[in-house]
Amino acid sequence: WDEYLRSRAYISPAVLFCFNAGVWGYDEWLPTFQRMVQEAPHAPIVVTSYNKCEAIDDSDAIADVEVPITWHWTMEANPFASRSARPSHHDRVLHENAYWQCFGAK
């Protein structure tokens, strides 16, 4: 996001998608979300997750963003999720974009 924001190619987005981002596992996401909310306050941010467990963890992490946000919708099954399952090394079934949630500037 930061590189794109500074580039000549930057166009203010209508919506921001973070596909299977693993927000819960990367500290870099919180400051990135803060900048997204500040620089594109009109754009909703949609975060997808591989499964319900990851979606819950992502939601908990997003709640720690240090700028005011509003939820457009909280974590729920994504009706547009991939129908193709793939195994993981943690004995969990993964589906691309299985869950989604959406937030933005307050």
PDB file of N, CA and C in Angstrom:
ATOM      1  N   TRP A   1       0.827  -1.183   0.000  1.00  0.00           N
ATOM      2  CA  TRP A   1       0.000   0.000   0.000  1.00  0.00           C
ATOM      3  C   TRP A   1       0.871   1.246   0.000  1.00  0.00           C
ATOM      4  N   ASP A   2       1.893   1.268   0.847  1.00  0.00           N
ATOM      5  CA  ASP A   2       2.734   2.465   0.940  1.00  0.00           C
ATOM      6  C   ASP A   2       3.419   2.781  -0.377  1.00  0.00           C
ATOM      7  N   GLU A   3       3.941   1.758  -1.038  1.00  0.00           N
ATOM      8  CA  GLU A   3       4.605   1.984  -2.329  1.00  0.00           C
ATOM      9  C   GLU A   3       3.609   2.514  -3.352  1.00  0.00           C
ATOM     10  N   TYR A   4       2.441   1.928  -3.400  1.00  0.00           N
ATOM     11  CA  TYR A   4       1.419   2.376  -4.344  1.00  0.00           C
ATOM     12  C   TYR A   4       0.977   3.804  -4.022  1.00  0.00           C
ATOM     13  N   LEU A   5       0.812   4.091  -2.747  1.00  0.00           N
ATOM     14  CA  LEU A   5       0.371   5.413  -2.316  1.00  0.00           C
ATOM     15  C   LEU A   5       1.349   6.501  -2.761  1.00  0.00           C
ATOM     16  N   ARG A   6       2.636   6.187  -2.749  1.00  0.00           N
ATOM     17  CA  ARG A   6       3.668   7.157  -3.138  1.00  0.00           C
ATOM     18  C   ARG A   6       3.931   7.192  -4.636  1.00  0.00           C
ATOM     19  N   SER A   7       3.389   6.246  -5.372  1.00  0.00           N
ATOM     20  CA  SER A   7       3.707   6.155  -6.797  1.00  0.00           C
ATOM     21  C   SER A   7       2.906   7.145  -7.636  1.00  0.00           C
ATOM     22  N   ARG A   8       3.403   7.404  -8.815  1.00  0.00           N
ATOM     23  CA  ARG A   8       2.684   8.261  -9.765  1.00  0.00           C
ATOM     24  C   ARG A   8       1.398   7.593 -10.246  1.00  0.00           C
ATOM     25  N   ALA A   9       1.357   6.283 -10.170  1.00  0.00           N
ATOM     26  CA  ALA A   9       0.194   5.525 -10.644  1.00  0.00           C
ATOM     27  C   ALA A   9      -0.984   5.578  -9.670  1.00  0.00           C
ATOM     28  N   TYR A  10      -0.782   6.162  -8.494  1.00  0.00           N
ATOM     29  CA  TYR A  10      -1.832   6.159  -7.469  1.00  0.00           C
ATOM     30  C   TYR A  10      -3.117   6.806  -7.980  1.00  0.00           C
ATOM     31  N   ILE A  11      -4.197   6.084  -7.818  1.00  0.00           N
ATOM     32  CA  ILE A  11      -5.547   6.577  -8.068  1.00  0.00           C
ATOM     33  C   ILE A  11      -6.343   6.220  -6.819  1.00  0.00           C
ATOM     34  N   SER A  12      -7.068   7.159  -6.295  1.00  0.00           N
ATOM     35  CA  SER A  12      -7.844   6.913  -5.089  1.00  0.00           C
ATOM     36  C   SER A  12      -8.803   5.741  -5.319  1.00  0.00           C
ATOM     37  N   PRO A  13      -8.717   4.699  -4.499  1.00  0.00           N
ATOM     38  CA  PRO A  13      -9.527   3.500  -4.738  1.00  0.00           C
ATOM     39  C   PRO A  13     -10.983   3.675  -4.326  1.00  0.00           C
ATOM     40  N   ALA A  14     -11.855   2.938  -4.988  1.00  0.00           N
ATOM     41  CA  ALA A  14     -13.269   2.893  -4.612  1.00  0.00           C
ATOM     42  C   ALA A  14     -13.489   1.879  -3.494  1.00  0.00           C
ATOM     43  N   VAL A  15     -12.673   0.835  -3.479  1.00  0.00           N
ATOM     44  CA  VAL A  15     -12.730  -0.207  -2.458  1.00  0.00           C
ATOM     45  C   VAL A  15     -11.348  -0.842  -2.382  1.00  0.00           C
ATOM     46  N   LEU A  16     -10.988  -1.349  -1.209  1.00  0.00           N
ATOM     47  CA  LEU A  16      -9.701  -2.020  -1.015  1.00  0.00           C
ATOM     48  C   LEU A  16      -9.969  -3.466  -0.604  1.00  0.00           C
ATOM     49  N   PHE A  17      -9.378  -4.417  -1.330  1.00  0.00           N
ATOM     50  CA  PHE A  17      -9.535  -5.834  -1.016  1.00  0.00           C
ATOM     51  C   PHE A  17      -8.220  -6.396  -0.506  1.00  0.00           C
ATOM     52  N   CYS A  18      -8.290  -7.165   0.568  1.00  0.00           N
ATOM     53  CA  CYS A  18      -7.138  -7.850   1.142  1.00  0.00           C
ATOM     54  C   CYS A  18      -7.506  -9.337   1.176  1.00  0.00           C
ATOM     55  N   PHE A  19      -7.116 -10.049   0.119  1.00  0.00           N
ATOM     56  CA  PHE A  19      -7.523 -11.442  -0.035  1.00  0.00           C
ATOM     57  C   PHE A  19      -6.653 -12.375   0.801  1.00  0.00           C
ATOM     58  N   ASN A  20      -7.295 -13.160   1.670  1.00  0.00           N
ATOM     59  CA  ASN A  20      -6.585 -14.144   2.501  1.00  0.00           C
ATOM     60  C   ASN A  20      -5.322 -13.538   3.095  1.00  0.00           C
ATOM     61  N   ALA A  21      -5.472 -12.380   3.700  1.00  0.00           N
ATOM     62  CA  ALA A  21      -4.329 -11.569   4.125  1.00  0.00           C
ATOM     63  C   ALA A  21      -3.630 -12.074   5.382  1.00  0.00           C
ATOM     64  N   GLY A  22      -4.277 -12.896   6.171  1.00  0.00           N
ATOM     65  CA  GLY A  22      -3.644 -13.355   7.403  1.00  0.00           C
ATOM     66  C   GLY A  22      -3.327 -12.198   8.332  1.00  0.00           C
ATOM     67  N   VAL A  23      -4.267 -11.280   8.465  1.00  0.00           N
ATOM     68  CA  VAL A  23      -4.072 -10.071   9.269  1.00  0.00           C
ATOM     69  C   VAL A  23      -3.572 -10.416  10.663  1.00  0.00           C
ATOM     70  N   TRP A  24      -4.103 -11.469  11.244  1.00  0.00           N
ATOM     71  CA  TRP A  24      -3.742 -11.876  12.601  1.00  0.00           C
ATOM     72  C   TRP A  24      -2.263 -12.232  12.727  1.00  0.00           C
ATOM     73  N   GLY A  25      -1.617 -12.597  11.644  1.00  0.00           N
ATOM     74  CA  GLY A  25      -0.245 -13.093  11.715  1.00  0.00           C
ATOM     75  C   GLY A  25       0.844 -12.110  11.337  1.00  0.00           C
ATOM     76  N   TYR A  26       0.484 -10.895  10.934  1.00  0.00           N
ATOM     77  CA  TYR A  26       1.481  -9.939  10.456  1.00  0.00           C
ATOM     78  C   TYR A  26       1.258  -8.576  11.099  1.00  0.00           C
ATOM     79  N   ASP A  27       2.219  -8.138  11.887  1.00  0.00           N
ATOM     80  CA  ASP A  27       2.112  -6.849  12.570  1.00  0.00           C
ATOM     81  C   ASP A  27       2.005  -5.674  11.602  1.00  0.00           C
ATOM     82  N   GLU A  28       2.478  -5.845  10.381  1.00  0.00           N
ATOM     83  CA  GLU A  28       2.474  -4.751   9.406  1.00  0.00           C
ATOM     84  C   GLU A  28       1.067  -4.327   8.994  1.00  0.00           C
ATOM     85  N   TRP A  29       0.091  -5.211   9.171  1.00  0.00           N
ATOM     86  CA  TRP A  29      -1.255  -4.873   8.713  1.00  0.00           C
ATOM     87  C   TRP A  29      -1.874  -3.709   9.470  1.00  0.00           C
ATOM     88  N   LEU A  30      -1.689  -3.627  10.776  1.00  0.00           N
ATOM     89  CA  LEU A  30      -2.367  -2.573  11.543  1.00  0.00           C
ATOM     90  C   LEU A  30      -1.966  -1.172  11.096  1.00  0.00           C
ATOM     91  N   PRO A  31      -0.671  -0.854  10.995  1.00  0.00           N
ATOM     92  CA  PRO A  31      -0.338   0.487  10.493  1.00  0.00           C
ATOM     93  C   PRO A  31      -0.759   0.691   9.042  1.00  0.00           C
ATOM     94  N   THR A  32      -0.765  -0.375   8.263  1.00  0.00           N
ATOM     95  CA  THR A  32      -1.224  -0.262   6.873  1.00  0.00           C
ATOM     96  C   THR A  32      -2.708   0.085   6.834  1.00  0.00           C
ATOM     97  N   PHE A  33      -3.516  -0.590   7.638  1.00  0.00           N
ATOM     98  CA  PHE A  33      -4.944  -0.267   7.696  1.00  0.00           C
ATOM     99  C   PHE A  33      -5.161   1.175   8.158  1.00  0.00           C
ATOM    100  N   GLN A  34      -4.378   1.608   9.129  1.00  0.00           N
ATOM    101  CA  GLN A  34      -4.506   2.983   9.613  1.00  0.00           C
ATOM    102  C   GLN A  34      -4.256   3.972   8.478  1.00  0.00           C
ATOM    103  N   ARG A  35      -3.232   3.730   7.684  1.00  0.00           N
ATOM    104  CA  ARG A  35      -2.946   4.621   6.551  1.00  0.00           C
ATOM    105  C   ARG A  35      -4.041   4.523   5.494  1.00  0.00           C
ATOM    106  N   MET A  36      -4.543   3.320   5.246  1.00  0.00           N
ATOM    107  CA  MET A  36      -5.638   3.171   4.278  1.00  0.00           C
ATOM    108  C   MET A  36      -6.847   3.995   4.704  1.00  0.00           C
ATOM    109  N   VAL A  37      -7.213   3.900   5.968  1.00  0.00           N
ATOM    110  CA  VAL A  37      -8.370   4.630   6.484  1.00  0.00           C
ATOM    111  C   VAL A  37      -8.137   6.137   6.386  1.00  0.00           C
ATOM    112  N   GLN A  38      -6.920   6.574   6.669  1.00  0.00           N
ATOM    113  CA  GLN A  38      -6.621   8.005   6.632  1.00  0.00           C
ATOM    114  C   GLN A  38      -6.525   8.542   5.208  1.00  0.00           C
ATOM    115  N   GLU A  39      -5.912   7.791   4.311  1.00  0.00           N
ATOM    116  CA  GLU A  39      -5.675   8.268   2.946  1.00  0.00           C
ATOM    117  C   GLU A  39      -6.855   8.036   2.006  1.00  0.00           C
ATOM    118  N   ALA A  40      -7.672   7.037   2.299  1.00  0.00           N
ATOM    119  CA  ALA A  40      -8.832   6.732   1.441  1.00  0.00           C
ATOM    120  C   ALA A  40     -10.055   6.497   2.330  1.00  0.00           C
ATOM    121  N   PRO A  41     -10.486   7.524   3.071  1.00  0.00           N
ATOM    122  CA  PRO A  41     -11.560   7.332   4.054  1.00  0.00           C
ATOM    123  C   PRO A  41     -12.902   6.929   3.452  1.00  0.00           C
ATOM    124  N   HIS A  42     -13.083   7.166   2.184  1.00  0.00           N
ATOM    125  CA  HIS A  42     -14.335   6.812   1.499  1.00  0.00           C
ATOM    126  C   HIS A  42     -14.367   5.347   1.059  1.00  0.00           C
ATOM    127  N   ALA A  43     -13.207   4.688   1.045  1.00  0.00           N
ATOM    128  CA  ALA A  43     -13.097   3.335   0.484  1.00  0.00           C
ATOM    129  C   ALA A  43     -13.272   2.269   1.562  1.00  0.00           C
ATOM    130  N   PRO A  44     -14.258   1.400   1.420  1.00  0.00           N
ATOM    131  CA  PRO A  44     -14.369   0.280   2.352  1.00  0.00           C
ATOM    132  C   PRO A  44     -13.200  -0.687   2.166  1.00  0.00           C
ATOM    133  N   ILE A  45     -12.824  -1.352   3.240  1.00  0.00           N
ATOM    134  CA  ILE A  45     -11.728  -2.325   3.224  1.00  0.00           C
ATOM    135  C   ILE A  45     -12.337  -3.700   3.486  1.00  0.00           C
ATOM    136  N   VAL A  46     -12.203  -4.591   2.518  1.00  0.00           N
ATOM    137  CA  VAL A  46     -12.741  -5.948   2.621  1.00  0.00           C
ATOM    138  C   VAL A  46     -11.573  -6.898   2.862  1.00  0.00           C
ATOM    139  N   VAL A  47     -11.660  -7.677   3.929  1.00  0.00           N
ATOM    140  CA  VAL A  47     -10.620  -8.642   4.285  1.00  0.00           C
ATOM    141  C   VAL A  47     -11.229 -10.036   4.206  1.00  0.00           C
ATOM    142  N   THR A  48     -10.590 -10.924   3.453  1.00  0.00           N
ATOM    143  CA  THR A  48     -11.069 -12.305   3.379  1.00  0.00           C
ATOM    144  C   THR A  48     -10.126 -13.223   4.153  1.00  0.00           C
ATOM    145  N   SER A  49     -10.644 -14.391   4.508  1.00  0.00           N
ATOM    146  CA  SER A  49      -9.887 -15.374   5.285  1.00  0.00           C
ATOM    147  C   SER A  49     -10.176 -16.773   4.755  1.00  0.00           C
ATOM    148  N   TYR A  50      -9.238 -17.691   5.001  1.00  0.00           N
ATOM    149  CA  TYR A  50      -9.374 -19.069   4.526  1.00  0.00           C
ATOM    150  C   TYR A  50     -10.456 -19.859   5.251  1.00  0.00           C
ATOM    151  N   ASN A  51     -10.699 -19.535   6.526  1.00  0.00           N
ATOM    152  CA  ASN A  51     -11.673 -20.293   7.304  1.00  0.00           C
ATOM    153  C   ASN A  51     -12.171 -19.443   8.472  1.00  0.00           C
ATOM    154  N   LYS A  52     -13.120 -19.978   9.218  1.00  0.00           N
ATOM    155  CA  LYS A  52     -13.732 -19.224  10.315  1.00  0.00           C
ATOM    156  C   LYS A  52     -12.721 -18.889  11.408  1.00  0.00           C
ATOM    157  N   CYS A  53     -11.848 -19.824  11.737  1.00  0.00           N
ATOM    158  CA  CYS A  53     -10.849 -19.573  12.787  1.00  0.00           C
ATOM    159  C   CYS A  53      -9.973 -18.375  12.434  1.00  0.00           C
ATOM    160  N   GLU A  54      -9.489 -18.337  11.193  1.00  0.00           N
ATOM    161  CA  GLU A  54      -8.656 -17.211  10.774  1.00  0.00           C
ATOM    162  C   GLU A  54      -9.466 -15.920  10.715  1.00  0.00           C
ATOM    163  N   ALA A  55     -10.719 -16.005  10.311  1.00  0.00           N
ATOM    164  CA  ALA A  55     -11.564 -14.806  10.245  1.00  0.00           C
ATOM    165  C   ALA A  55     -11.768 -14.204  11.634  1.00  0.00           C
ATOM    166  N   ILE A  56     -11.959 -15.057  12.629  1.00  0.00           N
ATOM    167  CA  ILE A  56     -12.096 -14.573  14.010  1.00  0.00           C
ATOM    168  C   ILE A  56     -10.814 -13.884  14.441  1.00  0.00           C
ATOM    169  N   ASP A  57      -9.672 -14.514  14.171  1.00  0.00           N
ATOM    170  CA  ASP A  57      -8.386 -13.913  14.534  1.00  0.00           C
ATOM    171  C   ASP A  57      -8.152 -12.604  13.784  1.00  0.00           C
ATOM    172  N   ASP A  58      -8.508 -12.567  12.507  1.00  0.00           N
ATOM    173  CA  ASP A  58      -8.376 -11.327  11.730  1.00  0.00           C
ATOM    174  C   ASP A  58      -9.235 -10.225  12.344  1.00  0.00           C
ATOM    175  N   SER A  59     -10.460 -10.558  12.701  1.00  0.00           N
ATOM    176  CA  SER A  59     -11.372  -9.582  13.293  1.00  0.00           C
ATOM    177  C   SER A  59     -10.814  -9.023  14.597  1.00  0.00           C
ATOM    178  N   ASP A  60     -10.265  -9.900  15.428  1.00  0.00           N
ATOM    179  CA  ASP A  60      -9.652  -9.457  16.682  1.00  0.00           C
ATOM    180  C   ASP A  60      -8.491  -8.505  16.417  1.00  0.00           C
ATOM    181  N   ALA A  61      -7.687  -8.808  15.407  1.00  0.00           N
ATOM    182  CA  ALA A  61      -6.550  -7.947  15.068  1.00  0.00           C
ATOM    183  C   ALA A  61      -7.030  -6.599  14.536  1.00  0.00           C
ATOM    184  N   ILE A  62      -8.027  -6.608  13.671  1.00  0.00           N
ATOM    185  CA  ILE A  62      -8.551  -5.361  13.101  1.00  0.00           C
ATOM    186  C   ILE A  62      -9.093  -4.458  14.208  1.00  0.00           C
ATOM    187  N   ALA A  63      -9.667  -5.042  15.237  1.00  0.00           N
ATOM    188  CA  ALA A  63     -10.205  -4.259  16.357  1.00  0.00           C
ATOM    189  C   ALA A  63      -9.122  -3.441  17.054  1.00  0.00           C
ATOM    190  N   ASP A  64      -7.857  -3.790  16.854  1.00  0.00           N
ATOM    191  CA  ASP A  64      -6.741  -3.066  17.471  1.00  0.00           C
ATOM    192  C   ASP A  64      -6.240  -1.891  16.640  1.00  0.00           C
ATOM    193  N   VAL A  65      -6.844  -1.635  15.485  1.00  0.00           N
ATOM    194  CA  VAL A  65      -6.452  -0.483  14.668  1.00  0.00           C
ATOM    195  C   VAL A  65      -6.655   0.777  15.506  1.00  0.00           C
ATOM    196  N   GLU A  66      -5.666   1.663  15.491  1.00  0.00           N
ATOM    197  CA  GLU A  66      -5.686   2.825  16.380  1.00  0.00           C
ATOM    198  C   GLU A  66      -6.313   4.077  15.776  1.00  0.00           C
ATOM    199  N   VAL A  67      -7.131   3.919  14.760  1.00  0.00           N
ATOM    200  CA  VAL A  67      -7.920   5.033  14.231  1.00  0.00           C
ATOM    201  C   VAL A  67      -9.382   4.599  14.289  1.00  0.00           C
ATOM    202  N   PRO A  68     -10.293   5.547  14.399  1.00  0.00           N
ATOM    203  CA  PRO A  68     -11.711   5.168  14.470  1.00  0.00           C
ATOM    204  C   PRO A  68     -12.171   4.485  13.180  1.00  0.00           C
ATOM    205  N   ILE A  69     -12.794   3.324  13.344  1.00  0.00           N
ATOM    206  CA  ILE A  69     -13.347   2.603  12.189  1.00  0.00           C
ATOM    207  C   ILE A  69     -14.806   2.269  12.466  1.00  0.00           C
ATOM    208  N   THR A  70     -15.499   1.955  11.406  1.00  0.00           N
ATOM    209  CA  THR A  70     -16.862   1.453  11.520  1.00  0.00           C
ATOM    210  C   THR A  70     -16.943   0.157  10.723  1.00  0.00           C
ATOM    211  N   TRP A  71     -17.702  -0.782  11.229  1.00  0.00           N
ATOM    212  CA  TRP A  71     -17.881  -2.050  10.529  1.00  0.00           C
ATOM    213  C   TRP A  71     -19.035  -1.923   9.545  1.00  0.00           C
ATOM    214  N   HIS A  72     -18.770  -2.205   8.278  1.00  0.00           N
ATOM    215  CA  HIS A  72     -19.837  -2.274   7.284  1.00  0.00           C
ATOM    216  C   HIS A  72     -20.527  -3.633   7.392  1.00  0.00           C
ATOM    217  N   TRP A  73     -19.731  -4.678   7.617  1.00  0.00           N
ATOM    218  CA  TRP A  73     -20.264  -5.966   8.063  1.00  0.00           C
ATOM    219  C   TRP A  73     -19.153  -6.698   8.790  1.00  0.00           C
ATOM    220  N   THR A  74     -19.562  -7.437   9.814  1.00  0.00           N
ATOM    221  CA  THR A  74     -18.599  -8.209  10.588  1.00  0.00           C
ATOM    222  C   THR A  74     -18.373  -9.552   9.906  1.00  0.00           C
ATOM    223  N   MET A  75     -17.473 -10.314  10.465  1.00  0.00           N
ATOM    224  CA  MET A  75     -17.072 -11.592   9.887  1.00  0.00           C
ATOM    225  C   MET A  75     -18.278 -12.475   9.595  1.00  0.00           C
ATOM    226  N   GLU A  76     -18.316 -12.989   8.366  1.00  0.00           N
ATOM    227  CA  GLU A  76     -19.390 -13.900   7.967  1.00  0.00           C
ATOM    228  C   GLU A  76     -18.903 -14.756   6.807  1.00  0.00           C
ATOM    229  N   ALA A  77     -19.609 -15.853   6.572  1.00  0.00           N
ATOM    230  CA  ALA A  77     -19.276 -16.697   5.417  1.00  0.00           C
ATOM    231  C   ALA A  77     -19.437 -15.867   4.147  1.00  0.00           C
ATOM    232  N   ASN A  78     -18.496 -16.015   3.246  1.00  0.00           N
ATOM    233  CA  ASN A  78     -18.495 -15.264   1.992  1.00  0.00           C
ATOM    234  C   ASN A  78     -19.283 -16.049   0.937  1.00  0.00           C
ATOM    235  N   PRO A  79     -20.372 -15.509   0.427  1.00  0.00           N
ATOM    236  CA  PRO A  79     -21.145 -16.241  -0.578  1.00  0.00           C
ATOM    237  C   PRO A  79     -20.393 -16.421  -1.899  1.00  0.00           C
ATOM    238  N   PHE A  80     -19.291 -15.711  -2.066  1.00  0.00           N
ATOM    239  CA  PHE A  80     -18.497 -15.801  -3.292  1.00  0.00           C
ATOM    240  C   PHE A  80     -17.211 -16.598  -3.083  1.00  0.00           C
ATOM    241  N   ALA A  81     -17.109 -17.328  -1.987  1.00  0.00           N
ATOM    242  CA  ALA A  81     -15.908 -18.107  -1.668  1.00  0.00           C
ATOM    243  C   ALA A  81     -15.656 -19.182  -2.720  1.00  0.00           C
ATOM    244  N   SER A  82     -14.411 -19.593  -2.811  1.00  0.00           N
ATOM    245  CA  SER A  82     -14.059 -20.697  -3.696  1.00  0.00           C
ATOM    246  C   SER A  82     -14.762 -21.965  -3.227  1.00  0.00           C
ATOM    247  N   ARG A  83     -15.200 -22.753  -4.156  1.00  0.00           N
ATOM    248  CA  ARG A  83     -15.821 -24.040  -3.817  1.00  0.00           C
ATOM    249  C   ARG A  83     -14.786 -25.153  -3.729  1.00  0.00           C
ATOM    250  N   SER A  84     -13.581 -24.871  -4.171  1.00  0.00           N
ATOM    251  CA  SER A  84     -12.511 -25.870  -4.165  1.00  0.00           C
ATOM    252  C   SER A  84     -11.799 -25.861  -2.819  1.00  0.00           C
ATOM    253  N   ALA A  85     -11.847 -26.984  -2.133  1.00  0.00           N
ATOM    254  CA  ALA A  85     -11.153 -27.113  -0.852  1.00  0.00           C
ATOM    255  C   ALA A  85      -9.721 -27.542  -1.095  1.00  0.00           C
ATOM    256  N   ARG A  86      -8.852 -27.127  -0.182  1.00  0.00           N
ATOM    257  CA  ARG A  86      -7.481 -27.614  -0.248  1.00  0.00           C
ATOM    258  C   ARG A  86      -7.017 -27.916   1.168  1.00  0.00           C
ATOM    259  N   PRO A  87      -6.265 -28.985   1.329  1.00  0.00           N
ATOM    260  CA  PRO A  87      -5.818 -29.363   2.673  1.00  0.00           C
ATOM    261  C   PRO A  87      -4.715 -28.427   3.162  1.00  0.00           C
ATOM    262  N   SER A  88      -4.565 -28.382   4.468  1.00  0.00           N
ATOM    263  CA  SER A  88      -3.456 -27.631   5.055  1.00  0.00           C
ATOM    264  C   SER A  88      -2.667 -28.566   5.954  1.00  0.00           C
ATOM    265  N   HIS A  89      -1.506 -28.123   6.354  1.00  0.00           N
ATOM    266  CA  HIS A  89      -0.676 -28.968   7.215  1.00  0.00           C
ATOM    267  C   HIS A  89      -1.171 -28.962   8.667  1.00  0.00           C
ATOM    268  N   HIS A  90      -2.213 -28.204   8.971  1.00  0.00           N
ATOM    269  CA  HIS A  90      -2.787 -28.173  10.316  1.00  0.00           C
ATOM    270  C   HIS A  90      -4.093 -28.963  10.386  1.00  0.00           C
ATOM    271  N   ASP A  91      -4.317 -29.837   9.407  1.00  0.00           N
ATOM    272  CA  ASP A  91      -5.534 -30.648   9.349  1.00  0.00           C
ATOM    273  C   ASP A  91      -6.808 -29.808   9.289  1.00  0.00           C
ATOM    274  N   ARG A  92      -6.697 -28.629   8.706  1.00  0.00           N
ATOM    275  CA  ARG A  92      -7.869 -27.787   8.479  1.00  0.00           C
ATOM    276  C   ARG A  92      -8.122 -27.718   6.983  1.00  0.00           C
ATOM    277  N   VAL A  93      -9.367 -27.660   6.624  1.00  0.00           N
ATOM    278  CA  VAL A  93      -9.715 -27.481   5.216  1.00  0.00           C
ATOM    279  C   VAL A  93      -9.723 -25.986   4.928  1.00  0.00           C
ATOM    280  N   LEU A  94      -9.093 -25.614   3.835  1.00  0.00           N
ATOM    281  CA  LEU A  94      -9.026 -24.210   3.451  1.00  0.00           C
ATOM    282  C   LEU A  94      -9.813 -23.975   2.173  1.00  0.00           C
ATOM    283  N   HIS A  95     -10.491 -22.871   2.123  1.00  0.00           N
ATOM    284  CA  HIS A  95     -11.167 -22.405   0.907  1.00  0.00           C
ATOM    285  C   HIS A  95     -10.709 -20.966   0.683  1.00  0.00           C
ATOM    286  N   GLU A  96     -10.301 -20.649  -0.524  1.00  0.00           N
ATOM    287  CA  GLU A  96      -9.934 -19.269  -0.818  1.00  0.00           C
ATOM    288  C   GLU A  96     -11.122 -18.366  -0.499  1.00  0.00           C
ATOM    289  N   ASN A  97     -10.861 -17.323   0.264  1.00  0.00           N
ATOM    290  CA  ASN A  97     -11.863 -16.291   0.566  1.00  0.00           C
ATOM    291  C   ASN A  97     -13.135 -16.838   1.216  1.00  0.00           C
ATOM    292  N   ALA A  98     -13.000 -17.822   2.092  1.00  0.00           N
ATOM    293  CA  ALA A  98     -14.158 -18.486   2.705  1.00  0.00           C
ATOM    294  C   ALA A  98     -14.995 -17.550   3.578  1.00  0.00           C
ATOM    295  N   TYR A  99     -14.329 -16.646   4.268  1.00  0.00           N
ATOM    296  CA  TYR A  99     -15.024 -15.677   5.125  1.00  0.00           C
ATOM    297  C   TYR A  99     -14.599 -14.284   4.721  1.00  0.00           C
ATOM    298  N   TRP A 100     -15.458 -13.315   5.013  1.00  0.00           N
ATOM    299  CA  TRP A 100     -15.097 -11.931   4.728  1.00  0.00           C
ATOM    300  C   TRP A 100     -15.686 -11.009   5.773  1.00  0.00           C
ATOM    301  N   GLN A 101     -15.102  -9.827   5.841  1.00  0.00           N
ATOM    302  CA  GLN A 101     -15.555  -8.769   6.732  1.00  0.00           C
ATOM    303  C   GLN A 101     -15.154  -7.447   6.105  1.00  0.00           C
ATOM    304  N   CYS A 102     -15.852  -6.396   6.474  1.00  0.00           N
ATOM    305  CA  CYS A 102     -15.617  -5.115   5.814  1.00  0.00           C
ATOM    306  C   CYS A 102     -15.716  -3.979   6.824  1.00  0.00           C
ATOM    307  N   PHE A 103     -14.734  -3.096   6.778  1.00  0.00           N
ATOM    308  CA  PHE A 103     -14.732  -1.933   7.661  1.00  0.00           C
ATOM    309  C   PHE A 103     -14.221  -0.723   6.895  1.00  0.00           C
ATOM    310  N   GLY A 104     -14.304   0.426   7.525  1.00  0.00           N
ATOM    311  CA  GLY A 104     -13.813   1.647   6.897  1.00  0.00           C
ATOM    312  C   GLY A 104     -13.717   2.760   7.915  1.00  0.00           C
ATOM    313  N   ALA A 105     -13.446   3.949   7.428  1.00  0.00           N
ATOM    314  CA  ALA A 105     -13.311   5.115   8.295  1.00  0.00           C
ATOM    315  C   ALA A 105     -14.639   5.430   8.976  1.00  0.00           C
ATOM    316  N   LYS A 106     -14.540   5.889  10.188  1.00  0.00           N
ATOM    317  CA  LYS A 106     -15.745   6.265  10.941  1.00  0.00           C
ATOM    318  C   LYS A 106     -16.177   7.661  10.543  1.00  0.00           C
TER     319      LYS A 106
END
